[in-house]
Protein backbone atom coordinates (compact mmCIF):
# COMPACT_ATOMS: atom_id res chain seq x y z
CA MET A 1 -90.07 -151.23 55.41
CA LYS A 2 -86.69 -150.57 52.47
CA LEU A 3 -89.14 -152.03 49.96
CA PHE A 4 -91.82 -149.45 50.87
CA LYS A 5 -89.03 -146.26 50.58
CA TYR A 6 -87.68 -147.78 47.35
CA ILE A 7 -91.29 -148.16 46.26
CA PHE A 8 -91.37 -144.73 47.20
CA TRP A 9 -88.15 -143.14 45.62
CA VAL A 10 -89.13 -144.87 42.50
CA LEU A 11 -92.65 -143.28 42.22
CA TYR A 12 -91.31 -139.67 43.39
CA ARG A 13 -88.57 -139.54 40.73
CA ILE A 14 -91.67 -140.33 38.15
CA TRP A 15 -93.77 -137.38 39.46
CA PHE A 16 -90.68 -135.69 39.30
CA TYR A 17 -90.36 -135.96 35.54
CA VAL A 18 -94.34 -135.99 35.05
CA LEU A 19 -94.14 -132.21 36.97
CA VAL A 20 -90.98 -131.18 34.60
CA ALA A 21 -93.33 -132.13 31.16
CA LEU A 22 -97.20 -131.09 32.28
CA PRO A 23 -96.51 -127.69 32.16
CA ILE A 24 -94.32 -127.61 29.09
CA ILE A 25 -96.98 -129.59 27.41
CA ILE A 26 -99.81 -127.15 28.23
CA LEU A 27 -97.85 -123.83 27.84
CA PHE A 28 -96.35 -125.31 24.60
CA PRO A 29 -97.79 -122.67 21.96
CA LEU A 30 -96.76 -119.70 24.32
CA LEU A 31 -93.27 -121.05 24.79
CA ILE A 32 -93.02 -121.91 21.33
CA ILE A 33 -93.89 -117.82 20.69
CA SER A 34 -91.57 -116.46 23.31
CA ILE A 35 -88.12 -118.46 22.01
CA LEU A 36 -89.27 -116.77 17.85
CA LYS A 37 -86.92 -113.51 18.93
CA GLU A 38 -84.09 -113.03 21.64
CA SER A 39 -85.48 -109.83 23.07
CA TRP A 40 -88.65 -111.99 23.95
CA TYR A 41 -87.00 -113.90 26.41
CA PRO A 42 -88.05 -111.91 29.53
CA PHE A 43 -91.50 -113.58 28.58
CA PHE A 44 -90.31 -116.62 28.34
CA PHE A 45 -88.15 -115.90 31.83
CA LYS A 46 -91.76 -115.32 33.13
CA ILE A 47 -93.30 -118.91 31.99
CA ALA A 48 -90.03 -120.59 33.07
CA GLN A 49 -90.26 -119.15 36.91
CA LEU A 50 -94.39 -120.27 36.61
CA TRP A 51 -93.22 -123.61 35.82
CA ALA A 52 -90.14 -123.98 38.48
CA ARG A 53 -92.26 -123.01 41.25
CA PHE A 54 -95.01 -125.20 39.60
CA ILE A 55 -92.49 -128.16 40.11
CA LEU A 56 -91.09 -126.75 43.78
CA VAL A 57 -94.72 -126.88 44.94
CA GLY A 58 -95.69 -130.13 43.46
CA MET A 59 -92.73 -131.85 44.78
CA GLY A 60 -93.75 -130.46 48.49
CA PHE A 61 -90.59 -128.40 48.69
CA ASN A 62 -91.29 -125.66 51.59
CA VAL A 63 -89.34 -123.07 49.70
CA LYS A 64 -87.37 -120.57 52.66
CA ILE A 65 -84.75 -117.79 50.68
CA GLU A 66 -82.82 -115.51 52.78
CA ARG A 67 -81.97 -111.83 50.81
CA ALA A 68 -78.94 -110.15 52.19
CA GLN A 69 -79.18 -107.80 49.21
CA ILE A 70 -81.75 -107.82 46.38
CA PRO A 71 -80.49 -107.38 42.90
CA GLU A 72 -81.70 -103.90 40.89
CA ALA A 73 -83.93 -104.38 37.89
CA SER A 74 -82.04 -102.55 35.82
CA LYS A 75 -78.43 -104.17 36.27
CA SER A 76 -77.18 -107.23 34.88
CA TYR A 77 -75.28 -109.75 37.31
CA MET A 78 -73.63 -113.19 37.59
CA PHE A 79 -75.28 -115.52 39.58
CA ILE A 80 -73.24 -118.35 40.83
CA ALA A 81 -74.72 -121.39 43.26
CA ASN A 82 -73.43 -125.08 44.76
CA HIS A 83 -74.82 -127.22 42.32
CA THR A 84 -75.92 -130.50 43.88
CA SER A 85 -79.76 -131.28 42.55
CA MET A 86 -81.85 -131.70 39.35
CA ALA A 87 -84.01 -129.04 41.33
CA ASP A 88 -81.10 -126.60 41.30
CA ILE A 89 -82.46 -124.83 38.09
CA MET A 90 -86.13 -124.47 39.52
CA LEU A 91 -84.53 -123.13 42.65
CA MET A 92 -82.59 -120.34 40.95
CA LEU A 93 -85.32 -119.69 38.93
CA VAL A 94 -87.79 -118.71 41.97
CA ALA A 95 -85.00 -117.32 44.18
CA VAL A 96 -83.71 -114.69 41.24
CA LYS A 97 -86.51 -112.11 39.77
CA ASN A 98 -83.80 -110.54 37.46
CA PRO A 99 -84.00 -112.03 33.67
CA PHE A 100 -80.69 -114.30 33.54
CA VAL A 101 -79.89 -116.90 30.89
CA PHE A 102 -77.98 -120.35 32.05
CA VAL A 103 -74.84 -121.13 30.96
CA GLY A 104 -74.93 -125.05 31.07
CA LYS A 105 -73.44 -127.98 29.52
CA LYS A 106 -74.71 -129.29 26.18
CA GLU A 107 -75.69 -132.52 27.61
CA LEU A 108 -78.47 -131.13 29.08
CA ALA A 109 -80.22 -130.24 25.48
CA LYS A 110 -80.47 -134.43 25.37
CA ILE A 111 -83.50 -134.22 27.57
CA PRO A 112 -86.70 -134.78 26.01
CA LEU A 113 -89.01 -131.58 26.23
CA PHE A 114 -86.74 -129.54 28.16
CA GLY A 115 -83.98 -129.76 26.29
CA PHE A 116 -85.71 -128.03 23.09
CA PHE A 117 -86.55 -125.34 24.75
CA TYR A 118 -82.83 -125.31 26.90
CA LYS A 119 -80.82 -125.11 24.33
CA ARG A 120 -82.57 -122.41 22.50
CA THR A 121 -82.73 -119.93 25.81
CA SER A 122 -79.59 -121.02 27.35
CA ILE A 123 -75.79 -120.78 26.03
CA LEU A 124 -74.11 -123.99 25.99
CA VAL A 125 -70.63 -125.15 26.67
CA ASP A 126 -68.73 -128.00 25.74
CA ARG A 127 -65.46 -127.81 28.30
CA SER A 128 -63.75 -130.36 26.13
CA SER A 129 -63.92 -127.61 23.29
CA GLN A 130 -62.03 -124.37 23.91
CA LYS A 131 -63.49 -122.88 20.64
CA SER A 132 -67.31 -123.68 22.68
CA ARG A 133 -65.70 -121.82 25.86
CA GLN A 134 -64.74 -118.89 23.61
CA ALA A 135 -68.25 -118.77 21.98
CA VAL A 136 -69.81 -118.87 25.32
CA PHE A 137 -67.75 -115.34 26.24
CA LEU A 138 -69.09 -113.99 23.12
CA ARG A 139 -72.62 -115.21 23.43
CA ALA A 140 -72.86 -113.71 27.34
CA GLN A 141 -71.65 -110.61 26.24
CA ARG A 142 -74.63 -110.57 23.49
CA ARG A 143 -76.85 -110.99 26.34
CA LEU A 144 -75.58 -108.43 28.97
CA LYS A 145 -75.57 -106.05 25.83
CA GLN A 146 -79.30 -107.05 25.96
CA GLY A 147 -79.79 -106.21 29.71
CA MET A 148 -80.08 -109.88 30.63
CA SER A 149 -77.83 -111.59 33.44
CA ILE A 150 -76.01 -114.70 33.58
CA CYS A 151 -76.00 -117.87 35.88
CA ILE A 152 -73.37 -120.59 36.01
CA PHE A 153 -72.76 -123.24 38.40
CA PRO A 154 -68.83 -122.95 38.89
CA GLU A 155 -68.35 -126.46 40.48
CA GLY A 156 -69.05 -126.98 36.50
CA GLY A 157 -71.19 -130.10 37.04
CA VAL A 158 -72.56 -132.26 40.54
CA PRO A 159 -69.77 -133.55 42.76
CA GLU A 160 -70.02 -136.94 44.30
CA ASP A 161 -72.41 -136.93 47.41
CA ASN A 162 -69.42 -137.36 50.24
CA ILE A 163 -68.00 -133.87 48.62
CA VAL A 164 -69.86 -130.69 50.27
CA LEU A 165 -68.32 -128.23 47.98
CA ASP A 166 -66.35 -128.89 45.15
CA GLU A 167 -63.49 -126.80 43.28
CA PHE A 168 -64.53 -124.10 41.38
CA LYS A 169 -63.93 -123.58 37.47
CA ASP A 170 -62.25 -119.80 36.75
CA GLY A 171 -65.08 -119.25 33.55
CA ALA A 172 -67.87 -117.48 35.74
CA PHE A 173 -65.43 -115.24 37.62
CA ARG A 174 -63.35 -113.88 34.41
CA MET A 175 -66.73 -113.36 32.31
CA ALA A 176 -67.62 -110.94 35.50
CA ILE A 177 -64.40 -109.38 35.47
CA ASN A 178 -64.21 -108.68 31.74
CA HIS A 179 -67.71 -107.23 31.78
CA GLN A 180 -67.17 -105.74 35.44
CA ILE A 181 -70.41 -106.96 36.99
CA PRO A 182 -71.30 -108.10 40.30
CA ILE A 183 -70.98 -112.07 41.25
CA VAL A 184 -73.94 -112.70 43.67
CA PRO A 185 -73.13 -115.94 45.07
CA LEU A 186 -76.20 -118.17 46.15
CA THR A 187 -76.08 -120.64 49.10
CA PHE A 188 -78.46 -123.89 48.43
CA ALA A 189 -78.75 -125.71 51.50
CA ASP A 190 -80.85 -128.44 51.69
CA ASN A 191 -81.11 -129.51 47.68
CA LYS A 192 -78.68 -132.39 48.07
CA LYS A 193 -80.75 -133.84 50.48
CA ARG A 194 -84.36 -133.05 48.88
CA PHE A 195 -83.76 -134.72 45.25
CA SER A 196 -79.81 -135.62 44.60
CA TYR A 197 -78.49 -136.91 41.50
CA THR A 198 -78.77 -140.75 43.77
CA PHE A 199 -82.25 -142.36 42.29
CA PHE A 200 -83.01 -144.09 45.48
CA SER A 201 -82.99 -140.47 47.73
CA GLY A 202 -85.35 -137.80 48.10
CA SER A 203 -88.14 -136.62 49.81
CA PRO A 204 -90.68 -133.48 50.31
CA GLY A 205 -89.60 -130.91 53.31
CA LEU A 206 -87.50 -128.00 53.47
CA MET A 207 -85.53 -126.02 50.82
CA ARG A 208 -83.41 -123.44 52.11
CA ALA A 209 -81.40 -120.71 49.73
CA LYS A 210 -79.50 -117.90 50.96
CA ILE A 211 -78.58 -114.32 48.61
CA HIS A 212 -75.41 -113.07 50.02
CA GLU A 213 -74.34 -109.88 49.49
CA PHE A 214 -72.77 -108.50 46.09
CA ILE A 215 -68.97 -108.91 45.71
CA SER A 216 -68.10 -106.29 43.37
CA THR A 217 -65.37 -106.59 40.20
CA GLU A 218 -65.16 -103.36 39.67
CA GLY A 219 -61.60 -102.81 38.66
CA LEU A 220 -60.69 -105.55 39.04
CA THR A 221 -58.62 -107.51 36.15
CA VAL A 222 -58.13 -110.88 35.10
CA GLU A 223 -55.45 -111.16 37.68
CA ASP A 224 -57.66 -111.46 40.08
CA THR A 225 -60.01 -114.17 38.68
CA ARG A 226 -58.31 -116.75 41.61
CA GLN A 227 -58.69 -114.57 44.24
CA LEU A 228 -62.35 -113.69 43.35
CA ASN A 229 -63.15 -117.27 42.73
CA LYS A 230 -61.63 -118.35 46.61
CA THR A 231 -63.76 -115.53 48.18
CA SER A 232 -66.89 -116.88 46.38
CA LYS A 233 -66.13 -120.70 47.04
CA GLU A 234 -65.58 -119.40 50.89
CA LEU A 235 -68.22 -117.43 51.35
CA ILE A 236 -70.97 -120.34 50.23
CA LEU A 237 -69.09 -123.06 51.72
CA ASN A 238 -69.17 -120.65 55.23
CA GLN A 239 -73.07 -120.62 54.51
CA LEU A 240 -73.41 -124.73 54.30
CA LEU A 241 -71.94 -124.87 57.02
CA VAL A 242 -74.01 -122.24 59.09
CA PHE A 243 -77.05 -124.16 57.56
CA ASN A 244 -75.87 -127.63 59.06
CA LYS A 245 -75.27 -126.66 62.19
CA ASN A 246 -78.39 -124.61 62.59
CA GLN A 247 -80.37 -127.88 61.13
CA LYS A 248 -78.51 -130.00 63.97
CA ALA A 249 -79.20 -127.43 66.50
CA THR A 250 -83.01 -127.53 66.06
CA LEU A 251 -83.01 -131.35 65.76
CA GLY A 252 -81.37 -131.30 69.12
CA THR A 253 -77.96 -133.21 67.67
CA GLU A 254 -75.28 -130.97 67.97
């Protein structure tokens, strides 16, 4: 039985990378055109959303999204979420309709095919470099002026499997305050269970997310960064506990 599970997990991982690569190969000419100008980014974003939905459906993930508030098409936001899975990027693209730009670690640019477009459409950061972190602010400012939103996973990486939610870095909150844009927290409930970074794990099934009510930064200053960080983290953590409690109740294991 264990051997069967290990074989399944290996094939499931291979299938994921097939699903990631296949649309990129098929849509390669359109993708190349869509990144030729920054002003064409909304077109690229639409393709990325189709790519993400294709992967989630192909992996057998049943996506359920609860929206406490819906972002307005004409406004810019700072989208944040807990980070537990390689599928977080796909779920974020499916959950959020407003075109946004990811701020993420530069290491992802090394992934074949995906990395080629990732480094040309996202804002890459080298967290070991102060100069790189300063450049992120300037690039994000330019994107916001173009009407885009920003997306950051504030944990700064994927925590160990035994950690429900890691400490949040201040960058996303400082940036939101500086640009006076609302924080939009999202909670991803099942991504770690569905497809974590642990190789021998994962399965098709329910993938829940909640878009919380927005947190205003109007009138806040950099001195409010830590409190904004704490408020956002507590909101996501409490929702994770609610998701887990509801799941236990459904399974009859409270």
